[in-house]
């Protein structure tokens, strides 16, 4: 999981689009488990799936953390109630 910073709104929107190459023009490296680490993130969390639960029209995944890497000291990007928000 990549924890995005406040200035990553456009990146978050690009990854939310369907039918596009989400990694086009995005700087990233490969983590130890082979997952992408997007550049400039606050943190990267690599997990293994421990359990899956049905939750209405969603599946809830519970992960056990394998590795936590701290990145740049920035404010997090928050998405809540259909929009991006800033911490007070």
N, C-alpha and C. Protein backbone atom coordinates (compact mmCIF):
# COMPACT_ATOMS: atom_id res chain seq x y z
N UNK A 1 0.85 -1.16 0.00
CA UNK A 1 0.00 0.00 0.00
C UNK A 1 0.90 1.23 0.00
N UNK A 2 0.54 2.19 -0.81
CA UNK A 2 1.24 3.47 -0.88
C UNK A 2 0.40 4.50 -0.15
N UNK A 3 0.98 5.19 0.82
CA UNK A 3 0.26 6.24 1.56
C UNK A 3 0.61 7.56 0.89
N UNK A 4 -0.38 8.14 0.21
CA UNK A 4 -0.15 9.35 -0.58
C UNK A 4 -0.15 10.61 0.28
N UNK A 5 0.53 11.66 -0.21
CA UNK A 5 0.59 12.95 0.46
C UNK A 5 -0.45 13.89 -0.15
N UNK A 6 -0.71 15.01 0.55
CA UNK A 6 -1.73 15.98 0.11
C UNK A 6 -1.58 16.39 -1.35
N UNK A 7 -0.35 16.54 -1.80
CA UNK A 7 -0.13 17.02 -3.17
C UNK A 7 -0.32 15.93 -4.23
N UNK A 8 -0.77 14.75 -3.84
CA UNK A 8 -0.97 13.64 -4.77
C UNK A 8 -2.41 13.47 -5.26
N UNK A 9 -3.22 14.52 -5.21
CA UNK A 9 -4.62 14.41 -5.66
C UNK A 9 -4.70 13.92 -7.10
N UNK A 10 -3.92 14.50 -8.00
CA UNK A 10 -3.96 14.09 -9.41
C UNK A 10 -3.55 12.64 -9.58
N UNK A 11 -2.56 12.20 -8.83
CA UNK A 11 -2.11 10.81 -8.88
C UNK A 11 -3.23 9.88 -8.42
N UNK A 12 -3.89 10.22 -7.34
CA UNK A 12 -5.01 9.41 -6.83
C UNK A 12 -6.12 9.32 -7.87
N UNK A 13 -6.44 10.44 -8.51
CA UNK A 13 -7.49 10.44 -9.53
C UNK A 13 -7.08 9.61 -10.74
N UNK A 14 -5.80 9.66 -11.12
CA UNK A 14 -5.31 8.87 -12.25
C UNK A 14 -5.44 7.38 -11.96
N UNK A 15 -5.16 6.97 -10.73
CA UNK A 15 -5.26 5.55 -10.38
C UNK A 15 -6.72 5.12 -10.21
N UNK A 16 -7.63 6.06 -10.06
CA UNK A 16 -9.06 5.73 -9.92
C UNK A 16 -9.73 5.51 -11.27
N UNK A 17 -9.09 5.95 -12.36
CA UNK A 17 -9.67 5.81 -13.70
C UNK A 17 -9.54 4.39 -14.21
N UNK A 18 -10.53 3.95 -14.94
CA UNK A 18 -10.50 2.63 -15.57
C UNK A 18 -10.04 2.76 -17.01
N UNK A 19 -9.44 1.69 -17.51
CA UNK A 19 -9.08 1.64 -18.92
C UNK A 19 -7.86 2.46 -19.29
N UNK A 20 -7.03 2.83 -18.32
CA UNK A 20 -5.82 3.60 -18.63
C UNK A 20 -4.60 2.87 -18.05
N UNK A 21 -3.43 3.24 -18.55
CA UNK A 21 -2.19 2.72 -17.97
C UNK A 21 -1.87 3.60 -16.76
N UNK A 22 -2.19 3.13 -15.60
CA UNK A 22 -2.07 3.93 -14.38
C UNK A 22 -0.62 4.27 -14.04
N UNK A 23 0.32 3.50 -14.53
CA UNK A 23 1.72 3.73 -14.20
C UNK A 23 2.45 4.58 -15.24
N UNK A 24 1.71 5.00 -16.30
CA UNK A 24 2.32 5.85 -17.31
C UNK A 24 2.69 7.20 -16.69
N UNK A 25 3.91 7.62 -16.88
CA UNK A 25 4.42 8.90 -16.36
C UNK A 25 4.47 8.96 -14.84
N UNK A 26 4.48 7.80 -14.16
CA UNK A 26 4.56 7.76 -12.70
C UNK A 26 5.91 7.15 -12.32
N UNK A 27 6.63 7.84 -11.45
CA UNK A 27 7.92 7.33 -10.98
C UNK A 27 7.68 6.35 -9.84
N UNK A 28 8.27 5.14 -9.97
CA UNK A 28 8.08 4.13 -8.94
C UNK A 28 9.21 3.12 -8.97
N UNK A 29 9.34 2.39 -7.86
CA UNK A 29 10.31 1.31 -7.76
C UNK A 29 9.56 0.06 -7.29
N UNK A 30 10.25 -1.07 -7.32
CA UNK A 30 9.64 -2.32 -6.88
C UNK A 30 10.05 -2.60 -5.44
N UNK A 31 9.06 -2.88 -4.59
CA UNK A 31 9.32 -3.22 -3.20
C UNK A 31 9.86 -4.63 -3.07
N UNK A 32 10.22 -5.00 -1.86
CA UNK A 32 10.81 -6.32 -1.61
C UNK A 32 9.88 -7.45 -2.04
N UNK A 33 8.57 -7.26 -1.88
CA UNK A 33 7.61 -8.31 -2.25
C UNK A 33 7.19 -8.23 -3.72
N UNK A 34 7.75 -7.28 -4.46
CA UNK A 34 7.42 -7.14 -5.87
C UNK A 34 6.33 -6.13 -6.16
N UNK A 35 5.77 -5.52 -5.12
CA UNK A 35 4.72 -4.52 -5.30
C UNK A 35 5.32 -3.16 -5.60
N UNK A 36 4.58 -2.29 -6.32
CA UNK A 36 5.11 -0.97 -6.67
C UNK A 36 5.12 -0.02 -5.48
N UNK A 37 6.21 0.74 -5.36
CA UNK A 37 6.33 1.82 -4.39
C UNK A 37 6.35 3.12 -5.19
N UNK A 38 5.28 3.90 -5.10
CA UNK A 38 5.21 5.17 -5.82
C UNK A 38 6.11 6.19 -5.14
N UNK A 39 6.83 6.98 -5.93
CA UNK A 39 7.77 7.96 -5.39
C UNK A 39 7.04 9.09 -4.66
N UNK A 40 7.67 9.59 -3.60
CA UNK A 40 7.15 10.74 -2.88
C UNK A 40 6.09 10.43 -1.85
N UNK A 41 5.85 9.17 -1.56
CA UNK A 41 4.81 8.81 -0.60
C UNK A 41 5.27 9.05 0.84
N UNK A 42 4.28 9.11 1.72
CA UNK A 42 4.55 9.26 3.15
C UNK A 42 5.07 7.94 3.72
N UNK A 43 4.51 6.84 3.23
CA UNK A 43 4.91 5.52 3.71
C UNK A 43 4.49 4.46 2.71
N UNK A 44 5.11 3.28 2.86
CA UNK A 44 4.74 2.11 2.09
C UNK A 44 4.51 0.98 3.08
N UNK A 45 3.41 0.27 2.93
CA UNK A 45 3.08 -0.82 3.84
C UNK A 45 2.90 -2.08 3.00
N UNK A 46 3.71 -3.09 3.26
CA UNK A 46 3.58 -4.35 2.54
C UNK A 46 2.96 -5.37 3.49
N UNK A 47 1.90 -6.02 3.04
CA UNK A 47 1.15 -6.95 3.88
C UNK A 47 0.94 -8.29 3.18
N UNK A 48 0.57 -9.28 3.97
CA UNK A 48 0.09 -10.54 3.43
C UNK A 48 -1.36 -10.68 3.87
N UNK A 49 -2.19 -11.26 3.02
CA UNK A 49 -3.61 -11.43 3.34
C UNK A 49 -3.75 -12.49 4.44
N UNK A 50 -4.40 -12.10 5.53
CA UNK A 50 -4.63 -13.00 6.66
C UNK A 50 -6.05 -13.57 6.60
N UNK A 51 -7.02 -12.73 6.20
CA UNK A 51 -8.41 -13.18 6.14
C UNK A 51 -9.18 -12.31 5.17
N UNK A 52 -10.25 -12.87 4.59
CA UNK A 52 -11.18 -12.15 3.72
C UNK A 52 -12.59 -12.33 4.28
N UNK A 53 -13.35 -11.22 4.33
CA UNK A 53 -14.73 -11.25 4.84
C UNK A 53 -15.65 -10.58 3.83
N UNK A 54 -16.83 -11.15 3.64
CA UNK A 54 -17.83 -10.52 2.79
C UNK A 54 -18.49 -9.40 3.58
N UNK A 55 -18.65 -8.25 2.93
CA UNK A 55 -19.27 -7.09 3.57
C UNK A 55 -20.19 -6.40 2.59
N UNK A 56 -21.39 -6.95 2.40
CA UNK A 56 -22.31 -6.37 1.42
C UNK A 56 -21.79 -6.61 0.03
N UNK A 57 -21.56 -5.52 -0.73
CA UNK A 57 -21.03 -5.66 -2.09
C UNK A 57 -19.51 -5.49 -2.13
N UNK A 58 -18.87 -5.61 -0.99
CA UNK A 58 -17.42 -5.49 -0.89
C UNK A 58 -16.83 -6.76 -0.24
N UNK A 59 -15.56 -6.94 -0.45
CA UNK A 59 -14.81 -7.94 0.30
C UNK A 59 -13.81 -7.19 1.17
N UNK A 60 -13.82 -7.47 2.46
CA UNK A 60 -12.94 -6.81 3.41
C UNK A 60 -11.70 -7.69 3.59
N UNK A 61 -10.55 -7.13 3.31
CA UNK A 61 -9.30 -7.88 3.44
C UNK A 61 -8.58 -7.44 4.72
N UNK A 62 -8.15 -8.41 5.50
CA UNK A 62 -7.35 -8.14 6.69
C UNK A 62 -5.93 -8.60 6.38
N UNK A 63 -4.98 -7.71 6.57
CA UNK A 63 -3.60 -8.03 6.24
C UNK A 63 -2.69 -7.98 7.45
N UNK A 64 -1.70 -8.84 7.43
CA UNK A 64 -0.63 -8.80 8.42
C UNK A 64 0.54 -8.05 7.84
N UNK A 65 1.03 -7.04 8.54
CA UNK A 65 2.11 -6.20 8.02
C UNK A 65 3.42 -6.98 7.99
N UNK A 66 4.03 -6.99 6.82
CA UNK A 66 5.35 -7.62 6.64
C UNK A 66 6.46 -6.59 6.74
N UNK A 67 6.16 -5.37 6.26
CA UNK A 67 7.18 -4.32 6.26
C UNK A 67 6.50 -2.96 6.21
N UNK A 68 7.01 -2.02 7.00
CA UNK A 68 6.56 -0.63 7.01
C UNK A 68 7.77 0.24 6.75
N UNK A 69 7.69 1.03 5.69
CA UNK A 69 8.80 1.91 5.33
C UNK A 69 8.29 3.34 5.38
N UNK A 70 8.95 4.18 6.17
CA UNK A 70 8.57 5.59 6.24
C UNK A 70 9.24 6.35 5.12
N UNK A 71 8.48 7.27 4.50
CA UNK A 71 9.00 8.06 3.39
C UNK A 71 9.14 9.51 3.79
N UNK A 72 8.65 10.38 2.94
CA UNK A 72 8.78 11.82 3.15
C UNK A 72 7.84 12.30 4.25
N UNK A 73 8.29 13.31 5.00
CA UNK A 73 7.51 13.87 6.09
C UNK A 73 6.55 14.92 5.51
N UNK A 74 5.37 14.45 5.12
CA UNK A 74 4.36 15.32 4.51
C UNK A 74 3.01 15.03 5.14
N UNK A 75 2.04 15.88 4.84
CA UNK A 75 0.68 15.66 5.33
C UNK A 75 -0.02 14.66 4.42
N UNK A 76 -0.87 13.78 4.98
CA UNK A 76 -1.51 12.72 4.19
C UNK A 76 -2.64 13.24 3.31
N UNK A 77 -2.87 12.53 2.21
CA UNK A 77 -4.02 12.78 1.35
C UNK A 77 -5.21 12.04 1.96
N UNK A 78 -6.29 12.76 2.22
CA UNK A 78 -7.48 12.18 2.84
C UNK A 78 -8.63 12.25 1.84
N UNK A 79 -9.32 11.13 1.64
CA UNK A 79 -10.53 11.11 0.82
C UNK A 79 -11.68 10.70 1.73
N UNK A 80 -12.66 11.58 1.87
CA UNK A 80 -13.78 11.34 2.77
C UNK A 80 -15.02 12.04 2.22
N UNK A 81 -16.15 11.37 2.30
CA UNK A 81 -17.44 11.94 1.87
C UNK A 81 -17.36 12.48 0.45
N UNK A 82 -16.83 11.66 -0.46
CA UNK A 82 -16.75 11.94 -1.90
C UNK A 82 -15.84 13.10 -2.27
N UNK A 83 -14.86 13.40 -1.42
CA UNK A 83 -13.95 14.48 -1.77
C UNK A 83 -12.65 14.42 -0.97
N UNK A 84 -11.65 15.15 -1.46
CA UNK A 84 -10.39 15.22 -0.76
C UNK A 84 -10.50 16.24 0.37
N UNK A 85 -9.91 15.93 1.50
CA UNK A 85 -9.98 16.78 2.68
C UNK A 85 -8.57 17.02 3.21
N UNK A 86 -8.41 18.06 4.03
CA UNK A 86 -7.14 18.35 4.68
C UNK A 86 -7.33 18.24 6.18
N UNK A 87 -6.27 17.80 6.85
CA UNK A 87 -6.31 17.75 8.31
C UNK A 87 -6.25 19.16 8.86
N UNK A 88 -6.96 19.39 9.94
CA UNK A 88 -6.97 20.74 10.56
C UNK A 88 -5.67 21.00 11.28
